[in-house]
C-alpha atoms as a PDB file:
ATOM      1  CA  MET A   1       8.051  -3.894  -1.998  1.00  0.00           C
ATOM      2  CA  ASP A   2       8.053  -7.544  -2.964  1.00  0.00           C
ATOM      3  CA  ALA A   3      10.770  -8.787  -5.329  1.00  0.00           C
ATOM      4  CA  GLU A   4       8.366  -9.838  -8.089  1.00  0.00           C
ATOM      5  CA  ILE A   5       6.700  -6.406  -8.265  1.00  0.00           C
ATOM      6  CA  ARG A   6      10.093  -4.683  -8.109  1.00  0.00           C
ATOM      7  CA  GLN A   7      11.309  -6.760 -11.070  1.00  0.00           C
ATOM      8  CA  LYS A   8       8.125  -6.000 -13.064  1.00  0.00           C
ATOM      9  CA  LEU A   9       8.697  -2.289 -12.499  1.00  0.00           C
ATOM     10  CA  ILE A  10      12.341  -2.540 -13.567  1.00  0.00           C
ATOM     11  CA  ASP A  11      11.441  -4.558 -16.684  1.00  0.00           C
ATOM     12  CA  THR A  12       8.688  -2.084 -17.601  1.00  0.00           C
ATOM     13  CA  ALA A  13      10.982   0.930 -17.149  1.00  0.00           C
ATOM     14  CA  LYS A  14      13.742  -0.756 -19.163  1.00  0.00           C
ATOM     15  CA  ARG A  15      11.362  -1.452 -22.065  1.00  0.00           C
ATOM     16  CA  ALA A  16      10.054   2.124 -21.917  1.00  0.00           C
ATOM     17  CA  ALA A  17      13.593   3.534 -22.178  1.00  0.00           C
ATOM     18  CA  LYS A  18      13.805   2.001 -25.648  1.00  0.00           C
ATOM     19  CA  ASN A  19      11.081   4.436 -26.780  1.00  0.00           C
ATOM     20  CA  ALA A  20      12.844   7.534 -25.476  1.00  0.00           C
ATOM     21  CA  TYR A  21      13.250  10.453 -27.849  1.00  0.00           C
ATOM     22  CA  CYS A  22      16.560  11.952 -26.777  1.00  0.00           C
ATOM     23  CA  PRO A  23      18.476  13.299 -29.797  1.00  0.00           C
ATOM     24  CA  TYR A  24      19.985  16.177 -27.771  1.00  0.00           C
ATOM     25  CA  SER A  25      21.211  14.514 -24.591  1.00  0.00           C
ATOM     26  CA  GLY A  26      21.557  10.948 -25.840  1.00  0.00           C
ATOM     27  CA  TYR A  27      20.377   9.892 -22.363  1.00  0.00           C
ATOM     28  CA  ALA A  28      17.415   7.520 -22.688  1.00  0.00           C
ATOM     29  CA  VAL A  29      15.339   7.084 -19.544  1.00  0.00           C
ATOM     30  CA  GLY A  30      12.387   4.833 -18.831  1.00  0.00           C
ATOM     31  CA  ALA A  31      10.092   4.915 -15.826  1.00  0.00           C
ATOM     32  CA  ALA A  32       7.307   2.860 -14.349  1.00  0.00           C
ATOM     33  CA  VAL A  33       4.803   3.752 -11.651  1.00  0.00           C
ATOM     34  CA  LEU A  34       2.717   1.344  -9.605  1.00  0.00           C
ATOM     35  CA  THR A  35      -0.791   2.413  -8.591  1.00  0.00           C
ATOM     36  CA  ASP A  36      -2.387   1.463  -5.308  1.00  0.00           C
ATOM     37  CA  ASP A  37      -4.553  -1.117  -7.094  1.00  0.00           C
ATOM     38  CA  GLY A  38      -1.613  -2.833  -8.815  1.00  0.00           C
ATOM     39  CA  ASN A  39      -1.591  -1.248 -12.274  1.00  0.00           C
ATOM     40  CA  ILE A  40       1.762  -0.362 -13.812  1.00  0.00           C
ATOM     41  CA  TYR A  41       2.194   2.586 -16.192  1.00  0.00           C
ATOM     42  CA  ASP A  42       5.314   3.329 -18.197  1.00  0.00           C
ATOM     43  CA  GLY A  43       6.922   6.434 -19.613  1.00  0.00           C
ATOM     44  CA  CYS A  44      10.056   7.595 -21.396  1.00  0.00           C
ATOM     45  CA  ASN A  45      11.792  10.935 -21.689  1.00  0.00           C
ATOM     46  CA  ILE A  46      10.803  13.033 -24.686  1.00  0.00           C
ATOM     47  CA  GLU A  47      13.142  15.868 -25.600  1.00  0.00           C
ATOM     48  CA  ASN A  48      12.462  18.953 -27.661  1.00  0.00           C
ATOM     49  CA  ALA A  49      14.734  21.421 -29.444  1.00  0.00           C
ATOM     50  CA  SER A  50      13.279  24.008 -27.074  1.00  0.00           C
ATOM     51  CA  TYR A  51      14.772  22.158 -24.139  1.00  0.00           C
ATOM     52  CA  SER A  52      12.397  23.543 -21.491  1.00  0.00           C
ATOM     53  CA  LEU A  53       9.578  21.713 -23.285  1.00  0.00           C
ATOM     54  CA  THR A  54      11.276  18.353 -22.663  1.00  0.00           C
ATOM     55  CA  ILE A  55       9.419  15.971 -20.347  1.00  0.00           C
ATOM     56  CA  CYS A  56      10.982  13.350 -18.128  1.00  0.00           C
ATOM     57  CA  ALA A  57      10.042   9.678 -18.126  1.00  0.00           C
ATOM     58  CA  GLU A  58       8.705   9.821 -14.569  1.00  0.00           C
ATOM     59  CA  ARG A  59       6.158  12.497 -15.365  1.00  0.00           C
ATOM     60  CA  VAL A  60       5.066  10.722 -18.563  1.00  0.00           C
ATOM     61  CA  ALA A  61       4.362   7.530 -16.567  1.00  0.00           C
ATOM     62  CA  LEU A  62       2.647   9.482 -13.789  1.00  0.00           C
ATOM     63  CA  PHE A  63       0.487  11.485 -16.197  1.00  0.00           C
ATOM     64  CA  LYS A  64      -0.590   8.310 -18.008  1.00  0.00           C
ATOM     65  CA  ALA A  65      -1.717   6.827 -14.683  1.00  0.00           C
ATOM     66  CA  ILE A  66      -3.573   9.996 -13.708  1.00  0.00           C
ATOM     67  CA  ALA A  67      -5.218  10.238 -17.134  1.00  0.00           C
ATOM     68  CA  ASP A  68      -6.474   6.696 -16.583  1.00  0.00           C
ATOM     69  CA  GLY A  69      -8.080   7.706 -13.280  1.00  0.00           C
ATOM     70  CA  HIS A  70      -5.405   6.736 -10.743  1.00  0.00           C
ATOM     71  CA  LYS A  71      -4.459   9.226  -8.029  1.00  0.00           C
ATOM     72  CA  LYS A  72      -2.322   7.126  -5.661  1.00  0.00           C
ATOM     73  CA  ILE A  73       1.135   5.868  -6.660  1.00  0.00           C
ATOM     74  CA  THR A  74       2.864   3.415  -4.337  1.00  0.00           C
ATOM     75  CA  ALA A  75       6.143   2.827  -6.195  1.00  0.00           C
ATOM     76  CA  VAL A  76       8.273   4.426  -8.888  1.00  0.00           C
ATOM     77  CA  CYS A  77      11.125   2.918 -10.888  1.00  0.00           C
ATOM     78  CA  VAL A  78      13.524   4.919 -13.049  1.00  0.00           C
ATOM     79  CA  TYR A  79      15.908   3.143 -15.443  1.00  0.00           C
ATOM     80  CA  SER A  80      18.718   4.236 -17.740  1.00  0.00           C
ATOM     81  CA  ASP A  81      21.785   2.479 -19.036  1.00  0.00           C
ATOM     82  CA  GLY A  82      23.268   5.861 -19.978  1.00  0.00           C
ATOM     83  CA  GLY A  83      26.250   5.699 -17.647  1.00  0.00           C
ATOM     84  CA  LYS A  84      24.898   7.225 -14.444  1.00  0.00           C
ATOM     85  CA  LEU A  85      22.006   6.439 -12.143  1.00  0.00           C
ATOM     86  CA  PRO A  86      18.846   8.272 -13.277  1.00  0.00           C
ATOM     87  CA  TYR A  87      17.625   9.941 -10.108  1.00  0.00           C
ATOM     88  CA  PRO A  88      14.404  11.923 -10.592  1.00  0.00           C
ATOM     89  CA  CYS A  89      14.979  15.633 -11.181  1.00  0.00           C
ATOM     90  CA  GLY A  90      13.503  18.258  -8.875  1.00  0.00           C
ATOM     91  CA  ALA A  91      10.463  18.844 -11.094  1.00  0.00           C
ATOM     92  CA  CYS A  92       9.681  15.119 -11.135  1.00  0.00           C
ATOM     93  CA  ARG A  93      10.156  14.835  -7.380  1.00  0.00           C
ATOM     94  CA  GLN A  94       7.736  17.683  -6.764  1.00  0.00           C
ATOM     95  CA  THR A  95       5.176  16.401  -9.285  1.00  0.00           C
ATOM     96  CA  LEU A  96       5.356  12.860  -7.910  1.00  0.00           C
ATOM     97  CA  SER A  97       4.916  14.174  -4.366  1.00  0.00           C
ATOM     98  CA  GLU A  98       1.322  15.134  -5.184  1.00  0.00           C
ATOM     99  CA  PHE A  99       0.412  11.492  -5.818  1.00  0.00           C
ATOM    100  CA  ALA A 100       3.214   9.348  -4.374  1.00  0.00           C
ATOM    101  CA  GLU A 101       4.221  10.857  -1.051  1.00  0.00           C
ATOM    102  CA  ASP A 102       5.083   7.558   0.654  1.00  0.00           C
ATOM    103  CA  ALA A 103       6.221   5.784  -2.514  1.00  0.00           C
ATOM    104  CA  CYS A 104       9.173   3.462  -2.743  1.00  0.00           C
ATOM    105  CA  VAL A 105      11.609   4.642  -5.432  1.00  0.00           C
ATOM    106  CA  VAL A 106      13.926   2.289  -7.323  1.00  0.00           C
ATOM    107  CA  VAL A 107      16.700   3.867  -9.397  1.00  0.00           C
ATOM    108  CA  THR A 108      18.752   1.531 -11.578  1.00  0.00           C
ATOM    109  CA  ASP A 109      21.046   1.278 -14.557  1.00  0.00           C
ATOM    110  CA  GLY A 110      20.702  -2.495 -14.752  1.00  0.00           C
ATOM    111  CA  LYS A 111      23.913  -3.023 -12.794  1.00  0.00           C
ATOM    112  CA  GLU A 112      23.520  -0.860  -9.711  1.00  0.00           C
ATOM    113  CA  GLU A 113      20.232  -0.357  -7.899  1.00  0.00           C
ATOM    114  CA  ILE A 114      19.307   2.148  -5.215  1.00  0.00           C
ATOM    115  CA  ARG A 115      16.072   1.852  -3.247  1.00  0.00           C
ATOM    116  CA  THR A 116      14.816   4.863  -1.383  1.00  0.00           C
ATOM    117  CA  THR A 117      11.583   6.753  -0.810  1.00  0.00           C
ATOM    118  CA  LEU A 118      10.153   9.875  -2.334  1.00  0.00           C
ATOM    119  CA  ASN A 119      10.127  11.452   1.134  1.00  0.00           C
ATOM    120  CA  ALA A 120      13.885  10.856   1.378  1.00  0.00           C
ATOM    121  CA  LEU A 121      14.434  12.399  -2.073  1.00  0.00           C
ATOM    122  CA  LEU A 122      12.181  15.379  -1.329  1.00  0.00           C
ATOM    123  CA  PRO A 123      12.027  15.824   2.453  1.00  0.00           C
ATOM    124  CA  ASN A 124      10.457  19.288   2.499  1.00  0.00           C
ATOM    125  CA  LYS A 125       8.032  19.283  -0.384  1.00  0.00           C
ATOM    126  CA  PHE A 126       6.193  22.440  -1.410  1.00  0.00           C
END
């Protein structure tokens, strides 16, 4: 992924984290997905008192892209400055795998950055 696109994804995810609703965990996460035609969609985590109804930032961003007609995601960025790198959870990995199998994944807290692929994070998808 080129450096300019990577930085746009990071900036988008960082801005999205500011909209997170996380009164229970206190862990704000933002995400950005890049579609195959160059559109970027953002998302933030949204918690609920019934914790199983919480949704992660990655799925919010992905669902926004899908709702807008996009079915191919080429890159994903997940950002949090909450003290640990915000790797996608298992549910997000599986959901992303439907639309982003070969996607580049950037995980960052603004200081440290890991670049990997969705296939590396979920090698034996369902």
